[in-house]
Amino acid sequence: MAVQFYDVKNRKKVDVPESDIKKTKYERKTSTGVQVRYALRAKYQGMSLTKFVGKDTWDKMNVPME
């Protein structure tokens, strides 16, 4: 299954195979607690691409964690 990312440099959407994707979590401390953002990261033609997703999508992805 391929996931669609947006390539900022070439200004177009690209499909990246699931084998090239890893998932990661970004956590930051705020005044009210900790904010967690879920993302998928991919390598495409030598560039790193990031796509922020919801927790449900992040949990469903069967890819390794970064």
PDB file of N, CA and C in Angstrom:
ATOM      1  N   MET A   1       0.838  -1.183   0.000  1.00  0.00           N
ATOM      2  CA  MET A   1       0.000   0.000   0.000  1.00  0.00           C
ATOM      3  C   MET A   1       0.882   1.245   0.000  1.00  0.00           C
ATOM      4  N   ALA A   2       0.612   2.153  -0.862  1.00  0.00           N
ATOM      5  CA  ALA A   2       1.382   3.386  -0.946  1.00  0.00           C
ATOM      6  C   ALA A   2       0.663   4.497  -0.181  1.00  0.00           C
ATOM      7  N   VAL A   3       1.450   5.390   0.386  1.00  0.00           N
ATOM      8  CA  VAL A   3       0.920   6.535   1.115  1.00  0.00           C
ATOM      9  C   VAL A   3       1.292   7.793   0.344  1.00  0.00           C
ATOM     10  N   GLN A   4       0.355   8.725   0.256  1.00  0.00           N
ATOM     11  CA  GLN A   4       0.588   9.948  -0.503  1.00  0.00           C
ATOM     12  C   GLN A   4       1.198  11.024   0.391  1.00  0.00           C
ATOM     13  N   PHE A   5       2.322  11.568  -0.055  1.00  0.00           N
ATOM     14  CA  PHE A   5       3.011  12.666   0.619  1.00  0.00           C
ATOM     15  C   PHE A   5       3.041  13.843  -0.338  1.00  0.00           C
ATOM     16  N   TYR A   6       3.277  15.043   0.201  1.00  0.00           N
ATOM     17  CA  TYR A   6       3.435  16.222  -0.634  1.00  0.00           C
ATOM     18  C   TYR A   6       4.910  16.580  -0.690  1.00  0.00           C
ATOM     19  N   ASP A   7       5.469  16.607  -1.887  1.00  0.00           N
ATOM     20  CA  ASP A   7       6.866  16.972  -2.116  1.00  0.00           C
ATOM     21  C   ASP A   7       6.938  18.485  -2.284  1.00  0.00           C
ATOM     22  N   VAL A   8       7.439  19.169  -1.261  1.00  0.00           N
ATOM     23  CA  VAL A   8       7.464  20.630  -1.254  1.00  0.00           C
ATOM     24  C   VAL A   8       8.405  21.175  -2.330  1.00  0.00           C
ATOM     25  N   LYS A   9       9.536  20.525  -2.505  1.00  0.00           N
ATOM     26  CA  LYS A   9      10.525  21.016  -3.467  1.00  0.00           C
ATOM     27  C   LYS A   9       9.987  20.989  -4.895  1.00  0.00           C
ATOM     28  N   ASN A  10       9.330  19.891  -5.267  1.00  0.00           N
ATOM     29  CA  ASN A  10       8.810  19.757  -6.633  1.00  0.00           C
ATOM     30  C   ASN A  10       7.347  20.172  -6.757  1.00  0.00           C
ATOM     31  N   ARG A  11       6.734  20.552  -5.644  1.00  0.00           N
ATOM     32  CA  ARG A  11       5.353  21.030  -5.605  1.00  0.00           C
ATOM     33  C   ARG A  11       4.370  20.046  -6.236  1.00  0.00           C
ATOM     34  N   LYS A  12       4.434  18.812  -5.780  1.00  0.00           N
ATOM     35  CA  LYS A  12       3.487  17.822  -6.276  1.00  0.00           C
ATOM     36  C   LYS A  12       3.314  16.706  -5.248  1.00  0.00           C
ATOM     37  N   LYS A  13       2.228  15.978  -5.377  1.00  0.00           N
ATOM     38  CA  LYS A  13       1.973  14.841  -4.501  1.00  0.00           C
ATOM     39  C   LYS A  13       2.670  13.619  -5.077  1.00  0.00           C
ATOM     40  N   VAL A  14       3.247  12.812  -4.189  1.00  0.00           N
ATOM     41  CA  VAL A  14       3.941  11.605  -4.610  1.00  0.00           C
ATOM     42  C   VAL A  14       3.453  10.433  -3.771  1.00  0.00           C
ATOM     43  N   ASP A  15       3.444   9.249  -4.366  1.00  0.00           N
ATOM     44  CA  ASP A  15       3.097   8.031  -3.656  1.00  0.00           C
ATOM     45  C   ASP A  15       4.374   7.329  -3.235  1.00  0.00           C
ATOM     46  N   VAL A  16       4.472   7.010  -1.945  1.00  0.00           N
ATOM     47  CA  VAL A  16       5.654   6.369  -1.392  1.00  0.00           C
ATOM     48  C   VAL A  16       5.234   4.985  -0.897  1.00  0.00           C
ATOM     49  N   PRO A  17       5.957   3.933  -1.301  1.00  0.00           N
ATOM     50  CA  PRO A  17       5.595   2.592  -0.817  1.00  0.00           C
ATOM     51  C   PRO A  17       5.793   2.470   0.690  1.00  0.00           C
ATOM     52  N   GLU A  18       4.986   1.627   1.291  1.00  0.00           N
ATOM     53  CA  GLU A  18       5.003   1.455   2.738  1.00  0.00           C
ATOM     54  C   GLU A  18       6.360   0.972   3.251  1.00  0.00           C
ATOM     55  N   SER A  19       7.121   0.309   2.416  1.00  0.00           N
ATOM     56  CA  SER A  19       8.435  -0.192   2.834  1.00  0.00           C
ATOM     57  C   SER A  19       9.437   0.930   3.086  1.00  0.00           C
ATOM     58  N   ASP A  20       9.196   2.123   2.555  1.00  0.00           N
ATOM     59  CA  ASP A  20      10.094   3.270   2.734  1.00  0.00           C
ATOM     60  C   ASP A  20       9.615   4.237   3.807  1.00  0.00           C
ATOM     61  N   ILE A  21       8.601   3.853   4.573  1.00  0.00           N
ATOM     62  CA  ILE A  21       7.991   4.749   5.554  1.00  0.00           C
ATOM     63  C   ILE A  21       8.293   4.279   6.973  1.00  0.00           C
ATOM     64  N   LYS A  22       8.516   5.249   7.847  1.00  0.00           N
ATOM     65  CA  LYS A  22       8.661   4.988   9.278  1.00  0.00           C
ATOM     66  C   LYS A  22       7.739   5.948  10.008  1.00  0.00           C
ATOM     67  N   LYS A  23       7.292   5.552  11.191  1.00  0.00           N
ATOM     68  CA  LYS A  23       6.437   6.450  11.952  1.00  0.00           C
ATOM     69  C   LYS A  23       7.201   7.001  13.140  1.00  0.00           C
ATOM     70  N   THR A  24       6.827   8.206  13.530  1.00  0.00           N
ATOM     71  CA  THR A  24       7.500   8.876  14.637  1.00  0.00           C
ATOM     72  C   THR A  24       6.504   9.722  15.418  1.00  0.00           C
ATOM     73  N   LYS A  25       6.901  10.081  16.633  1.00  0.00           N
ATOM     74  CA  LYS A  25       6.076  10.900  17.518  1.00  0.00           C
ATOM     75  C   LYS A  25       6.884  12.126  17.906  1.00  0.00           C
ATOM     76  N   TYR A  26       6.270  13.282  17.836  1.00  0.00           N
ATOM     77  CA  TYR A  26       6.904  14.520  18.291  1.00  0.00           C
ATOM     78  C   TYR A  26       6.189  14.962  19.563  1.00  0.00           C
ATOM     79  N   GLU A  27       6.933  15.118  20.643  1.00  0.00           N
ATOM     80  CA  GLU A  27       6.351  15.562  21.903  1.00  0.00           C
ATOM     81  C   GLU A  27       6.997  16.870  22.308  1.00  0.00           C
ATOM     82  N   ARG A  28       6.164  17.796  22.789  1.00  0.00           N
ATOM     83  CA  ARG A  28       6.713  19.045  23.293  1.00  0.00           C
ATOM     84  C   ARG A  28       5.931  19.456  24.524  1.00  0.00           C
ATOM     85  N   LYS A  29       6.648  20.083  25.415  1.00  0.00           N
ATOM     86  CA  LYS A  29       6.056  20.515  26.676  1.00  0.00           C
ATOM     87  C   LYS A  29       5.429  21.890  26.496  1.00  0.00           C
ATOM     88  N   THR A  30       4.189  22.019  26.919  1.00  0.00           N
ATOM     89  CA  THR A  30       3.504  23.305  26.876  1.00  0.00           C
ATOM     90  C   THR A  30       3.136  23.704  28.299  1.00  0.00           C
ATOM     91  N   SER A  31       2.561  24.857  28.444  1.00  0.00           N
ATOM     92  CA  SER A  31       2.201  25.319  29.789  1.00  0.00           C
ATOM     93  C   SER A  31       1.063  24.491  30.387  1.00  0.00           C
ATOM     94  N   THR A  32       0.284  23.831  29.542  1.00  0.00           N
ATOM     95  CA  THR A  32      -0.840  23.032  30.038  1.00  0.00           C
ATOM     96  C   THR A  32      -0.554  21.535  30.059  1.00  0.00           C
ATOM     97  N   GLY A  33       0.612  21.118  29.634  1.00  0.00           N
ATOM     98  CA  GLY A  33       0.950  19.694  29.622  1.00  0.00           C
ATOM     99  C   GLY A  33       1.874  19.356  28.473  1.00  0.00           C
ATOM    100  N   VAL A  34       1.698  18.171  27.928  1.00  0.00           N
ATOM    101  CA  VAL A  34       2.545  17.701  26.831  1.00  0.00           C
ATOM    102  C   VAL A  34       1.695  17.547  25.581  1.00  0.00           C
ATOM    103  N   GLN A  35       2.165  18.109  24.481  1.00  0.00           N
ATOM    104  CA  GLN A  35       1.488  17.983  23.200  1.00  0.00           C
ATOM    105  C   GLN A  35       2.186  16.891  22.398  1.00  0.00           C
ATOM    106  N   VAL A  36       1.404  15.981  21.843  1.00  0.00           N
ATOM    107  CA  VAL A  36       1.956  14.890  21.043  1.00  0.00           C
ATOM    108  C   VAL A  36       1.418  15.014  19.629  1.00  0.00           C
ATOM    109  N   ARG A  37       2.330  14.985  18.649  1.00  0.00           N
ATOM    110  CA  ARG A  37       1.939  14.988  17.235  1.00  0.00           C
ATOM    111  C   ARG A  37       2.471  13.717  16.606  1.00  0.00           C
ATOM    112  N   TYR A  38       1.654  13.098  15.780  1.00  0.00           N
ATOM    113  CA  TYR A  38       1.997  11.835  15.143  1.00  0.00           C
ATOM    114  C   TYR A  38       2.313  12.094  13.675  1.00  0.00           C
ATOM    115  N   ALA A  39       3.390  11.455  13.188  1.00  0.00           N
ATOM    116  CA  ALA A  39       3.823  11.724  11.815  1.00  0.00           C
ATOM    117  C   ALA A  39       4.351  10.468  11.152  1.00  0.00           C
ATOM    118  N   LEU A  40       4.304  10.480   9.838  1.00  0.00           N
ATOM    119  CA  LEU A  40       4.931   9.458   9.010  1.00  0.00           C
ATOM    120  C   LEU A  40       6.079  10.128   8.281  1.00  0.00           C
ATOM    121  N   ARG A  41       7.222   9.456   8.254  1.00  0.00           N
ATOM    122  CA  ARG A  41       8.396  10.008   7.580  1.00  0.00           C
ATOM    123  C   ARG A  41       8.837   9.035   6.497  1.00  0.00           C
ATOM    124  N   ALA A  42       9.279   9.595   5.368  1.00  0.00           N
ATOM    125  CA  ALA A  42       9.671   8.759   4.245  1.00  0.00           C
ATOM    126  C   ALA A  42      10.882   9.343   3.546  1.00  0.00           C
ATOM    127  N   LYS A  43      11.618   8.474   2.884  1.00  0.00           N
ATOM    128  CA  LYS A  43      12.705   8.889   1.997  1.00  0.00           C
ATOM    129  C   LYS A  43      12.193   8.729   0.569  1.00  0.00           C
ATOM    130  N   TYR A  44      12.307   9.796  -0.209  1.00  0.00           N
ATOM    131  CA  TYR A  44      11.850   9.777  -1.595  1.00  0.00           C
ATOM    132  C   TYR A  44      12.870  10.514  -2.444  1.00  0.00           C
ATOM    133  N   GLN A  45      13.523   9.817  -3.324  1.00  0.00           N
ATOM    134  CA  GLN A  45      14.545  10.382  -4.222  1.00  0.00           C
ATOM    135  C   GLN A  45      15.574  11.187  -3.447  1.00  0.00           C
ATOM    136  N   GLY A  46      16.024  10.659  -2.310  1.00  0.00           N
ATOM    137  CA  GLY A  46      17.062  11.297  -1.515  1.00  0.00           C
ATOM    138  C   GLY A  46      16.578  12.391  -0.585  1.00  0.00           C
ATOM    139  N   MET A  47      15.283  12.704  -0.609  1.00  0.00           N
ATOM    140  CA  MET A  47      14.741  13.751   0.252  1.00  0.00           C
ATOM    141  C   MET A  47      13.902  13.123   1.352  1.00  0.00           C
ATOM    142  N   SER A  48      13.839  13.800   2.491  1.00  0.00           N
ATOM    143  CA  SER A  48      12.990  13.356   3.586  1.00  0.00           C
ATOM    144  C   SER A  48      11.639  14.053   3.483  1.00  0.00           C
ATOM    145  N   LEU A  49      10.578  13.282   3.570  1.00  0.00           N
ATOM    146  CA  LEU A  49       9.229  13.822   3.528  1.00  0.00           C
ATOM    147  C   LEU A  49       8.540  13.509   4.847  1.00  0.00           C
ATOM    148  N   THR A  50       7.714  14.416   5.324  1.00  0.00           N
ATOM    149  CA  THR A  50       6.979  14.232   6.568  1.00  0.00           C
ATOM    150  C   THR A  50       5.508  14.505   6.316  1.00  0.00           C
ATOM    151  N   LYS A  51       4.673  13.655   6.898  1.00  0.00           N
ATOM    152  CA  LYS A  51       3.227  13.835   6.802  1.00  0.00           C
ATOM    153  C   LYS A  51       2.653  13.654   8.199  1.00  0.00           C
ATOM    154  N   PHE A  52       1.977  14.689   8.705  1.00  0.00           N
ATOM    155  CA  PHE A  52       1.347  14.596  10.013  1.00  0.00           C
ATOM    156  C   PHE A  52      -0.009  13.927   9.858  1.00  0.00           C
ATOM    157  N   VAL A  53      -0.286  12.968  10.750  1.00  0.00           N
ATOM    158  CA  VAL A  53      -1.526  12.202  10.688  1.00  0.00           C
ATOM    159  C   VAL A  53      -2.151  12.139  12.076  1.00  0.00           C
ATOM    160  N   GLY A  54      -3.372  11.681  12.127  1.00  0.00           N
ATOM    161  CA  GLY A  54      -4.055  11.496  13.397  1.00  0.00           C
ATOM    162  C   GLY A  54      -3.582  10.224  14.093  1.00  0.00           C
ATOM    163  N   LYS A  55      -3.888  10.093  15.359  1.00  0.00           N
ATOM    164  CA  LYS A  55      -3.461   8.933  16.132  1.00  0.00           C
ATOM    165  C   LYS A  55      -4.047   7.645  15.570  1.00  0.00           C
ATOM    166  N   ASP A  56      -5.280   7.677  15.088  1.00  0.00           N
ATOM    167  CA  ASP A  56      -5.910   6.480  14.533  1.00  0.00           C
ATOM    168  C   ASP A  56      -5.128   5.956  13.327  1.00  0.00           C
ATOM    169  N   THR A  57      -4.793   6.841  12.411  1.00  0.00           N
ATOM    170  CA  THR A  57      -4.021   6.454  11.226  1.00  0.00           C
ATOM    171  C   THR A  57      -2.640   5.967  11.627  1.00  0.00           C
ATOM    172  N   TRP A  58      -2.021   6.660  12.578  1.00  0.00           N
ATOM    173  CA  TRP A  58      -0.680   6.307  13.052  1.00  0.00           C
ATOM    174  C   TRP A  58      -0.678   4.908  13.656  1.00  0.00           C
ATOM    175  N   ASP A  59      -1.697   4.588  14.440  1.00  0.00           N
ATOM    176  CA  ASP A  59      -1.795   3.277  15.060  1.00  0.00           C
ATOM    177  C   ASP A  59      -2.031   2.165  14.033  1.00  0.00           C
ATOM    178  N   LYS A  60      -2.775   2.459  12.973  1.00  0.00           N
ATOM    179  CA  LYS A  60      -3.093   1.452  11.950  1.00  0.00           C
ATOM    180  C   LYS A  60      -1.889   1.100  11.078  1.00  0.00           C
ATOM    181  N   MET A  61      -0.941   2.025  10.951  1.00  0.00           N
ATOM    182  CA  MET A  61       0.207   1.784  10.069  1.00  0.00           C
ATOM    183  C   MET A  61       1.114   0.711  10.681  1.00  0.00           C
ATOM    184  N   ASN A  62       1.399  -0.302   9.897  1.00  0.00           N
ATOM    185  CA  ASN A  62       2.245  -1.402  10.343  1.00  0.00           C
ATOM    186  C   ASN A  62       3.660  -1.194   9.784  1.00  0.00           C
ATOM    187  N   VAL A  63       4.307  -0.133  10.254  1.00  0.00           N
ATOM    188  CA  VAL A  63       5.658   0.209   9.817  1.00  0.00           C
ATOM    189  C   VAL A  63       6.525   0.415  11.059  1.00  0.00           C
ATOM    190  N   PRO A  64       7.847   0.311  10.926  1.00  0.00           N
ATOM    191  CA  PRO A  64       8.704   0.482  12.113  1.00  0.00           C
ATOM    192  C   PRO A  64       8.699   1.907  12.641  1.00  0.00           C
ATOM    193  N   MET A  65       8.986   2.008  13.918  1.00  0.00           N
ATOM    194  CA  MET A  65       9.057   3.317  14.577  1.00  0.00           C
ATOM    195  C   MET A  65      10.456   3.884  14.399  1.00  0.00           C
ATOM    196  N   GLU A  66      10.565   5.168  14.226  1.00  0.00           N
ATOM    197  CA  GLU A  66      11.854   5.840  14.033  1.00  0.00           C
ATOM    198  C   GLU A  66      12.418   6.258  15.364  1.00  0.00           C
TER     199      GLU A  66
END
